[in-house]
């Protein structure tokens, strides 16, 4: 039997559940899932292997109009994913309007096999689902359209089977025991950032970046030191909280999530520093992994 392998690049606007779809297909919590928009900042790959196939899923930042240099770097990850796709997995939801944009135009004009996932169908009636599917059939006529609910799991198996059928014949790109292209250091930082997103409202979470200063894998536990960077002193005070209460809350929740993710005990130490306007600073963005 011939071996198949390919890159399945997940595209969609914020809040349509594409990270949830990715995690369901991979079977691991690799991408941040919160109720806030624009939570994915990097291109994160999840790798699924079978005896005769390898699927490399890419979760990219949600499509947005850049307002700063960070956003521009995030959209560069999306362009990279579009360029090397073997299969496009476009994720939408019933409540999303079908808008003309450059990304959808690129996909519709390409010869790349495309799957359109209409997520969150559990939140609406069958008649509305049918109407929305008809609209998308007009917008992306070449796509295989699959209704789905990432939360309940409905449609996930059909998405997976459709992907397998579309994969090109190819040897594996990664070792067969690889789960992702990212390191444990990266996921530790993402878990800490997730807890900040869950804890704070308004602008604070979007001004934050997390850098792992130390990640030591000991026999009995991982020892991690991380720095939470903000843009202003006032934000630093909010992150720390009165008497360090808020920082302690973040650390406790993040430590539990890291232990769950790594299946190993963890000692986590958090610090907060100011990096002035880091979202507009090329040097800072490069240090945080947003610019090559």
Protein backbone atom coordinates (compact mmCIF):
# COMPACT_ATOMS: atom_id res chain seq x y z
CA UNK A 1 0.00 0.00 0.00
CA UNK A 2 1.33 3.44 -0.91
CA UNK A 3 2.19 5.85 1.89
CA UNK A 4 0.42 9.22 1.97
CA UNK A 5 1.48 12.44 3.69
CA UNK A 6 0.63 16.10 3.48
CA UNK A 7 0.09 19.48 5.13
CA UNK A 8 -3.50 20.29 6.09
CA UNK A 9 -3.65 24.00 6.78
CA UNK A 10 -6.54 25.21 8.93
CA UNK A 11 -7.85 28.62 7.89
CA UNK A 12 -10.58 30.73 9.45
CA UNK A 13 -11.59 33.93 11.16
CA UNK A 14 -11.35 34.31 14.96
CA UNK A 15 -14.00 32.66 17.13
CA UNK A 16 -15.12 30.02 14.61
CA UNK A 17 -13.57 27.21 16.65
CA UNK A 18 -10.67 26.28 14.38
CA UNK A 19 -8.33 25.59 17.31
CA UNK A 20 -10.98 23.30 18.79
CA UNK A 21 -11.22 21.50 15.43
CA UNK A 22 -7.44 21.12 15.29
CA UNK A 23 -7.25 19.71 18.81
CA UNK A 24 -10.10 17.30 18.11
CA UNK A 25 -8.40 16.00 14.95
CA UNK A 26 -5.01 15.65 16.65
CA UNK A 27 -6.38 14.33 19.93
CA UNK A 28 -4.25 16.73 21.98
CA UNK A 29 -4.64 20.27 23.35
CA UNK A 30 -1.96 21.88 21.19
CA UNK A 31 -3.72 25.17 20.43
CA UNK A 32 -5.04 27.69 22.95
CA UNK A 33 -8.81 27.55 23.35
CA UNK A 34 -10.53 30.48 25.07
CA UNK A 35 -13.61 32.58 24.46
CA UNK A 36 -11.44 35.51 23.41
CA UNK A 37 -10.62 36.25 19.78
CA UNK A 38 -7.14 36.17 18.23
CA UNK A 39 -5.70 33.80 20.83
CA UNK A 40 -3.50 31.86 18.37
CA UNK A 41 -0.43 33.90 17.48
CA UNK A 42 1.93 31.35 15.93
CA UNK A 43 1.70 28.60 13.37
CA UNK A 44 1.32 25.41 15.41
CA UNK A 45 1.63 22.00 13.79
CA UNK A 46 -0.02 18.84 15.08
CA UNK A 47 1.11 15.54 13.55
CA UNK A 48 -1.08 12.44 13.25
CA UNK A 49 0.48 9.17 12.07
CA UNK A 50 -0.89 5.89 10.79
CA UNK A 51 0.83 2.90 9.24
CA UNK A 52 0.33 4.29 5.75
CA UNK A 53 -0.23 8.01 6.29
CA UNK A 54 1.01 11.15 8.05
CA UNK A 55 -1.15 14.27 8.45
CA UNK A 56 0.49 17.55 9.45
CA UNK A 57 -2.17 19.97 10.68
CA UNK A 58 -1.32 23.67 10.89
CA UNK A 59 -3.32 25.98 13.13
CA UNK A 60 -2.61 29.59 12.22
CA UNK A 61 -3.74 32.94 13.65
CA UNK A 62 -7.27 33.98 12.78
CA UNK A 63 -7.65 36.22 9.77
CA UNK A 64 -7.56 39.90 10.73
CA UNK A 65 -6.64 43.36 9.46
CA UNK A 66 -3.23 44.19 10.98
CA UNK A 67 -3.10 47.18 13.33
CA UNK A 68 0.49 46.67 14.57
CA UNK A 69 3.69 44.83 13.70
CA UNK A 70 2.68 41.82 15.79
CA UNK A 71 -0.46 41.41 13.66
CA UNK A 72 1.60 41.68 10.48
CA UNK A 73 3.91 38.91 11.70
CA UNK A 74 0.89 36.77 12.61
CA UNK A 75 -0.55 37.20 9.10
CA UNK A 76 2.83 36.17 7.68
CA UNK A 77 2.29 32.78 9.33
CA UNK A 78 -1.06 32.53 7.53
CA UNK A 79 0.56 33.32 4.15
CA UNK A 80 3.22 30.70 4.81
CA UNK A 81 0.53 28.11 5.55
CA UNK A 82 -1.36 29.01 2.37
CA UNK A 83 1.78 28.59 0.28
CA UNK A 84 2.69 25.06 1.38
CA UNK A 85 -0.79 23.54 1.75
CA UNK A 86 -1.61 20.13 0.30
CA UNK A 87 -5.16 20.48 1.63
CA UNK A 88 -7.06 23.55 2.83
CA UNK A 89 -9.34 23.04 5.81
CA UNK A 90 -11.50 26.18 5.96
CA UNK A 91 -13.45 26.54 9.20
CA UNK A 92 -16.55 28.70 9.48
CA UNK A 93 -19.65 28.74 11.65
CA UNK A 94 -23.34 29.28 11.04
CA UNK A 95 -23.33 32.85 12.34
CA UNK A 96 -20.41 34.03 10.23
CA UNK A 97 -21.19 36.17 7.22
CA UNK A 98 -19.70 35.10 3.90
CA UNK A 99 -17.40 37.95 3.05
CA UNK A 100 -15.15 38.44 0.09
CA UNK A 101 -11.52 38.50 1.14
CA UNK A 102 -8.13 37.80 -0.39
CA UNK A 103 -7.66 34.49 1.43
CA UNK A 104 -10.94 32.98 0.21
CA UNK A 105 -10.22 34.28 -3.29
CA UNK A 106 -6.78 32.63 -3.17
CA UNK A 107 -8.30 29.31 -2.06
CA UNK A 108 -11.11 29.38 -4.62
CA UNK A 109 -8.66 30.08 -7.45
CA UNK A 110 -6.13 27.44 -6.40
CA UNK A 111 -6.07 23.79 -7.40
CA UNK A 112 -5.55 22.70 -3.80
CA UNK A 113 -8.16 20.21 -2.49
CA UNK A 114 -10.42 22.04 -0.04
CA UNK A 115 -12.66 20.99 2.83
CA UNK A 116 -15.07 23.55 4.30
CA UNK A 117 -16.13 22.77 7.86
CA UNK A 118 -19.32 24.47 9.06
CA UNK A 119 -18.84 24.38 12.82
CA UNK A 120 -21.29 24.81 15.74
CA UNK A 121 -24.26 23.26 13.96
CA UNK A 122 -25.50 22.05 17.35
CA UNK A 123 -26.51 25.66 18.08
CA UNK A 124 -29.04 25.98 15.25
CA UNK A 125 -31.84 24.23 13.36
CA UNK A 126 -31.43 21.82 10.46
CA UNK A 127 -33.13 24.27 8.07
CA UNK A 128 -30.64 27.04 8.87
CA UNK A 129 -27.75 24.61 8.43
CA UNK A 130 -29.00 23.71 4.95
CA UNK A 131 -29.33 27.37 3.95
CA UNK A 132 -25.79 28.17 5.09
CA UNK A 133 -24.36 25.16 3.28
CA UNK A 134 -26.04 26.30 0.06
CA UNK A 135 -24.46 29.74 0.45
CA UNK A 136 -21.00 28.25 0.92
CA UNK A 137 -21.47 25.93 -2.07
CA UNK A 138 -21.77 29.10 -4.16
CA UNK A 139 -18.75 30.79 -2.54
CA UNK A 140 -16.39 27.75 -2.67
CA UNK A 141 -17.90 25.41 -5.27
CA UNK A 142 -14.83 23.14 -5.36
CA UNK A 143 -14.91 22.44 -1.61
CA UNK A 144 -16.22 19.35 0.16
CA UNK A 145 -18.58 20.81 2.77
CA UNK A 146 -18.93 19.03 6.12
CA UNK A 147 -21.30 20.15 8.92
CA UNK A 148 -19.61 19.75 12.28
CA UNK A 149 -19.75 20.35 16.01
CA UNK A 150 -16.28 20.35 17.51
CA UNK A 151 -17.71 20.41 21.03
CA UNK A 152 -19.89 17.31 20.61
CA UNK A 153 -17.56 15.56 18.15
CA UNK A 154 -20.18 15.35 15.39
CA UNK A 155 -18.55 15.35 11.95
CA UNK A 156 -14.95 14.96 13.19
CA UNK A 157 -14.64 11.38 11.89
CA UNK A 158 -15.97 12.43 8.48
CA UNK A 159 -13.45 15.30 8.30
CA UNK A 160 -10.64 12.88 9.13
CA UNK A 161 -11.74 10.30 6.52
CA UNK A 162 -12.06 13.02 3.87
CA UNK A 163 -8.56 14.28 4.63
CA UNK A 164 -7.14 10.76 4.28
CA UNK A 165 -8.80 10.41 0.88
CA UNK A 166 -7.26 13.70 -0.33
CA UNK A 167 -3.68 13.19 0.90
CA UNK A 168 -1.03 12.97 -1.83
CA UNK A 169 1.26 9.95 -2.11
CA UNK A 170 4.41 10.88 -0.20
CA UNK A 171 6.86 9.61 2.40
CA UNK A 172 6.49 10.96 5.94
CA UNK A 173 7.86 14.47 6.56
CA UNK A 174 8.49 13.93 10.28
CA UNK A 175 9.51 10.99 12.45
CA UNK A 176 6.54 8.73 13.12
CA UNK A 177 6.61 9.31 16.88
CA UNK A 178 6.39 13.13 16.59
CA UNK A 179 3.25 14.83 17.87
CA UNK A 180 4.17 18.41 16.94
CA UNK A 181 6.96 20.57 15.57
CA UNK A 182 6.97 22.66 18.75
CA UNK A 183 8.93 22.11 21.99
CA UNK A 184 7.68 21.69 25.56
CA UNK A 185 9.09 25.17 26.27
CA UNK A 186 6.76 26.62 23.63
CA UNK A 187 3.68 24.88 25.05
CA UNK A 188 4.56 25.90 28.60
CA UNK A 189 4.58 29.53 27.46
CA UNK A 190 1.27 29.08 25.62
CA UNK A 191 -0.35 27.51 28.69
CA UNK A 192 0.72 30.45 30.86
CA UNK A 193 -0.58 32.89 28.24
CA UNK A 194 -3.88 31.01 28.12
CA UNK A 195 -4.36 31.49 31.85
CA UNK A 196 -3.71 35.22 31.45
CA UNK A 197 -6.33 35.33 28.68
CA UNK A 198 -8.81 33.56 30.95
CA UNK A 199 -8.05 35.72 33.98
CA UNK A 200 -8.02 39.26 32.59
CA UNK A 201 -10.44 41.28 30.48
CA UNK A 202 -10.21 43.97 27.82
CA UNK A 203 -6.78 44.92 26.50
CA UNK A 204 -4.48 43.39 29.14
CA UNK A 205 -4.23 39.85 27.64
CA UNK A 206 -3.34 41.19 24.20
CA UNK A 207 -0.45 43.28 25.59
CA UNK A 208 1.14 40.19 27.13
CA UNK A 209 3.84 37.85 25.87
CA UNK A 210 5.43 34.96 27.78
CA UNK A 211 9.07 33.88 27.51
CA UNK A 212 10.50 30.75 29.13
CA UNK A 213 13.83 31.62 30.72
CA UNK A 214 14.51 28.16 32.18
CA UNK A 215 13.06 24.73 31.39
CA UNK A 216 14.88 21.94 33.20
CA UNK A 217 13.58 18.39 32.85
CA UNK A 218 14.52 16.60 36.06
CA UNK A 219 13.71 13.01 36.91
CA UNK A 220 10.85 13.78 39.27
CA UNK A 221 9.62 17.13 37.97
CA UNK A 222 10.10 19.91 35.43
CA UNK A 223 11.52 23.18 36.74
CA UNK A 224 10.32 26.23 34.80
CA UNK A 225 11.01 29.94 35.14
CA UNK A 226 8.97 32.23 32.91
CA UNK A 227 8.77 35.98 32.35
CA UNK A 228 5.46 37.65 31.54
CA UNK A 229 6.17 40.74 29.44
CA UNK A 230 3.78 43.70 29.33
CA UNK A 231 4.01 47.08 27.61
CA UNK A 232 3.54 49.47 30.56
CA UNK A 233 4.18 49.66 34.31
CA UNK A 234 0.44 50.00 34.97
CA UNK A 235 -0.13 46.66 33.22
CA UNK A 236 2.60 45.06 35.32
CA UNK A 237 0.79 46.11 38.49
CA UNK A 238 -2.48 44.63 37.21
CA UNK A 239 -0.85 41.30 36.30
CA UNK A 240 0.80 41.02 39.73
CA UNK A 241 -2.25 42.15 41.69
CA UNK A 242 -2.46 43.22 45.33
CA UNK A 243 0.19 41.39 47.31
CA UNK A 244 0.97 39.23 44.27
CA UNK A 245 -2.45 37.55 44.50
CA UNK A 246 -3.27 37.60 40.76
CA UNK A 247 0.17 36.36 39.69
CA UNK A 248 -0.12 33.51 42.18
CA UNK A 249 -3.54 32.59 40.75
CA UNK A 250 -2.13 32.49 37.21
CA UNK A 251 0.84 30.42 38.34
CA UNK A 252 -1.27 27.85 40.17
CA UNK A 253 -3.64 27.33 37.24
CA UNK A 254 -0.81 27.24 34.68
CA UNK A 255 1.21 24.77 36.75
CA UNK A 256 -1.74 22.36 36.90
CA UNK A 257 -2.26 22.61 33.14
CA UNK A 258 1.45 22.07 32.43
CA UNK A 259 1.47 19.01 34.68
CA UNK A 260 -1.58 17.66 32.84
CA UNK A 261 0.04 18.33 29.46
CA UNK A 262 3.44 16.83 30.32
CA UNK A 263 2.15 14.13 32.71
CA UNK A 264 4.84 15.17 35.15
CA UNK A 265 5.09 17.28 38.32
CA UNK A 266 6.18 20.90 37.77
CA UNK A 267 7.74 23.71 39.75
CA UNK A 268 6.76 26.99 38.08
CA UNK A 269 8.21 30.41 38.88
CA UNK A 270 6.75 33.55 37.27
CA UNK A 271 8.16 37.07 36.91
CA UNK A 272 6.69 40.18 35.28
CA UNK A 273 8.74 42.69 33.26
CA UNK A 274 7.99 45.70 31.06
CA UNK A 275 9.03 45.74 27.40
CA UNK A 276 7.88 49.11 26.05
CA UNK A 277 5.49 48.78 23.07
CA UNK A 278 6.87 45.33 22.24
CA UNK A 279 4.10 44.70 19.68
CA UNK A 280 5.63 47.44 17.52
CA UNK A 281 9.28 46.57 18.22
CA UNK A 282 11.10 44.45 15.62
CA UNK A 283 13.78 43.33 18.08
CA UNK A 284 11.25 42.22 20.68
CA UNK A 285 9.11 40.45 18.08
CA UNK A 286 12.17 38.60 16.83
CA UNK A 287 13.07 37.56 20.38
CA UNK A 288 9.55 36.22 20.91
CA UNK A 289 9.66 34.18 17.71
CA UNK A 290 7.47 36.28 15.44
CA UNK A 291 10.09 37.30 12.88
CA UNK A 292 12.64 35.12 11.09
